[in-house]
Amino acid sequence: MHGHHTLLAFAEKGSSMSRHSTTLSSSAITAATYDDDTGTLELTFTSGRSYTYQGVPQQVYDELCAAASAGTYFSQNIKGVYD
């Protein structure tokens, strides 16, 4: 139980805990970085280009990371929806 409290204290103090980065095994997207505080999603594509999307809910990031095809999820749920 003590370790759990330590983890929570660290999460509250460390601002880096608000950013999540995931490497995706996708033919279109190589990485996704999400910032809880700002709702900013940054995607790096296999072309090497990175794009930033504002106002993205955490659920969208979670679903993108869990999707069978990140490229398809992106096309259906992010592209054209978020700036």
C-alpha atoms as a PDB file:
ATOM      1  CA  MET A   1       0.000   0.000   0.000  1.00  0.00           C
ATOM      2  CA  HIS A   2       2.860   2.356   0.734  1.00  0.00           C
ATOM      3  CA  GLY A   3       4.243   2.001  -2.789  1.00  0.00           C
ATOM      4  CA  HIS A   4       0.898   3.017  -4.265  1.00  0.00           C
ATOM      5  CA  HIS A   5       0.933   6.314  -2.347  1.00  0.00           C
ATOM      6  CA  THR A   6       4.489   6.994  -3.465  1.00  0.00           C
ATOM      7  CA  LEU A   7       3.463   6.501  -7.097  1.00  0.00           C
ATOM      8  CA  LEU A   8       0.560   8.925  -6.737  1.00  0.00           C
ATOM      9  CA  ALA A   9       2.782  11.551  -5.121  1.00  0.00           C
ATOM     10  CA  PHE A  10       5.252  11.186  -7.985  1.00  0.00           C
ATOM     11  CA  ALA A  11       2.489  11.503 -10.568  1.00  0.00           C
ATOM     12  CA  GLU A  12       1.299  14.741  -8.988  1.00  0.00           C
ATOM     13  CA  LYS A  13       4.780  16.232  -8.874  1.00  0.00           C
ATOM     14  CA  GLY A  14       6.122  15.097 -12.255  1.00  0.00           C
ATOM     15  CA  SER A  15       4.799  17.184 -15.124  1.00  0.00           C
ATOM     16  CA  SER A  16       6.212  14.644 -17.583  1.00  0.00           C
ATOM     17  CA  MET A  17       3.521  12.206 -16.406  1.00  0.00           C
ATOM     18  CA  SER A  18       0.991  14.148 -18.503  1.00  0.00           C
ATOM     19  CA  ARG A  19       2.696  13.096 -21.750  1.00  0.00           C
ATOM     20  CA  HIS A  20       2.298   9.613 -23.189  1.00  0.00           C
ATOM     21  CA  SER A  21       4.258   8.317 -26.144  1.00  0.00           C
ATOM     22  CA  THR A  22       3.604   5.101 -28.025  1.00  0.00           C
ATOM     23  CA  THR A  23       5.385   3.459 -30.938  1.00  0.00           C
ATOM     24  CA  LEU A  24       2.807   2.053 -33.329  1.00  0.00           C
ATOM     25  CA  SER A  25       3.293  -0.971 -35.561  1.00  0.00           C
ATOM     26  CA  SER A  26       1.384   0.647 -38.392  1.00  0.00           C
ATOM     27  CA  SER A  27       2.141   0.957 -42.093  1.00  0.00           C
ATOM     28  CA  ALA A  28       1.099   4.624 -41.888  1.00  0.00           C
ATOM     29  CA  ILE A  29       1.912   5.942 -38.401  1.00  0.00           C
ATOM     30  CA  THR A  30       5.136   5.210 -36.522  1.00  0.00           C
ATOM     31  CA  ALA A  31       4.507   7.061 -33.254  1.00  0.00           C
ATOM     32  CA  ALA A  32       1.847   8.879 -31.252  1.00  0.00           C
ATOM     33  CA  THR A  33       2.471  11.310 -28.400  1.00  0.00           C
ATOM     34  CA  TYR A  34      -0.390  12.625 -26.280  1.00  0.00           C
ATOM     35  CA  ASP A  35      -0.426  15.414 -23.695  1.00  0.00           C
ATOM     36  CA  ASP A  36      -3.201  15.091 -21.073  1.00  0.00           C
ATOM     37  CA  ASP A  37      -2.931  18.712 -19.975  1.00  0.00           C
ATOM     38  CA  THR A  38      -3.495  20.245 -23.402  1.00  0.00           C
ATOM     39  CA  GLY A  39      -5.328  17.458 -25.260  1.00  0.00           C
ATOM     40  CA  THR A  40      -2.634  17.629 -27.931  1.00  0.00           C
ATOM     41  CA  LEU A  41      -1.958  14.577 -30.082  1.00  0.00           C
ATOM     42  CA  GLU A  42       1.207  14.470 -32.181  1.00  0.00           C
ATOM     43  CA  LEU A  43       1.455  11.773 -34.826  1.00  0.00           C
ATOM     44  CA  THR A  44       4.603  10.822 -36.711  1.00  0.00           C
ATOM     45  CA  PHE A  45       3.940   9.187 -40.049  1.00  0.00           C
ATOM     46  CA  THR A  46       6.114   6.704 -41.930  1.00  0.00           C
ATOM     47  CA  SER A  47       6.887   9.527 -44.392  1.00  0.00           C
ATOM     48  CA  GLY A  48       8.789  11.173 -41.526  1.00  0.00           C
ATOM     49  CA  ARG A  49       6.324  14.036 -41.198  1.00  0.00           C
ATOM     50  CA  SER A  50       4.734  14.901 -37.865  1.00  0.00           C
ATOM     51  CA  TYR A  51       1.344  16.493 -37.409  1.00  0.00           C
ATOM     52  CA  THR A  52      -0.207  17.951 -34.262  1.00  0.00           C
ATOM     53  CA  TYR A  53      -3.920  17.808 -33.480  1.00  0.00           C
ATOM     54  CA  GLN A  54      -5.551  19.971 -30.783  1.00  0.00           C
ATOM     55  CA  GLY A  55      -8.494  19.226 -28.487  1.00  0.00           C
ATOM     56  CA  VAL A  56      -8.213  15.438 -28.754  1.00  0.00           C
ATOM     57  CA  PRO A  57      -9.823  13.473 -25.874  1.00  0.00           C
ATOM     58  CA  GLN A  58      -7.644  10.880 -24.132  1.00  0.00           C
ATOM     59  CA  GLN A  59     -10.127   8.187 -25.223  1.00  0.00           C
ATOM     60  CA  VAL A  60      -9.249   8.872 -28.876  1.00  0.00           C
ATOM     61  CA  TYR A  61      -5.532   8.433 -28.127  1.00  0.00           C
ATOM     62  CA  ASP A  62      -6.215   5.213 -26.200  1.00  0.00           C
ATOM     63  CA  GLU A  63      -8.370   3.840 -29.018  1.00  0.00           C
ATOM     64  CA  LEU A  64      -5.746   4.787 -31.624  1.00  0.00           C
ATOM     65  CA  CYS A  65      -3.070   2.887 -29.689  1.00  0.00           C
ATOM     66  CA  ALA A  66      -5.344  -0.150 -29.322  1.00  0.00           C
ATOM     67  CA  ALA A  67      -6.664  -0.149 -32.895  1.00  0.00           C
ATOM     68  CA  ALA A  68      -5.983  -3.125 -35.168  1.00  0.00           C
ATOM     69  CA  SER A  69      -5.067  -0.548 -37.830  1.00  0.00           C
ATOM     70  CA  ALA A  70      -3.855   2.833 -36.577  1.00  0.00           C
ATOM     71  CA  GLY A  71      -4.004   4.237 -40.114  1.00  0.00           C
ATOM     72  CA  THR A  72      -7.650   3.271 -40.551  1.00  0.00           C
ATOM     73  CA  TYR A  73      -8.547   4.576 -37.084  1.00  0.00           C
ATOM     74  CA  PHE A  74      -6.773   7.855 -37.896  1.00  0.00           C
ATOM     75  CA  SER A  75      -8.656   8.233 -41.200  1.00  0.00           C
ATOM     76  CA  GLN A  76     -12.043   7.517 -39.613  1.00  0.00           C
ATOM     77  CA  ASN A  77     -11.727   9.284 -36.248  1.00  0.00           C
ATOM     78  CA  ILE A  78      -9.001  11.950 -36.285  1.00  0.00           C
ATOM     79  CA  LYS A  79      -8.325  13.254 -39.819  1.00  0.00           C
ATOM     80  CA  GLY A  80     -10.728  16.070 -40.606  1.00  0.00           C
ATOM     81  CA  VAL A  81     -12.162  15.981 -37.061  1.00  0.00           C
ATOM     82  CA  TYR A  82      -9.364  17.698 -35.117  1.00  0.00           C
ATOM     83  CA  ASP A  83      -7.157  20.592 -36.221  1.00  0.00           C
END
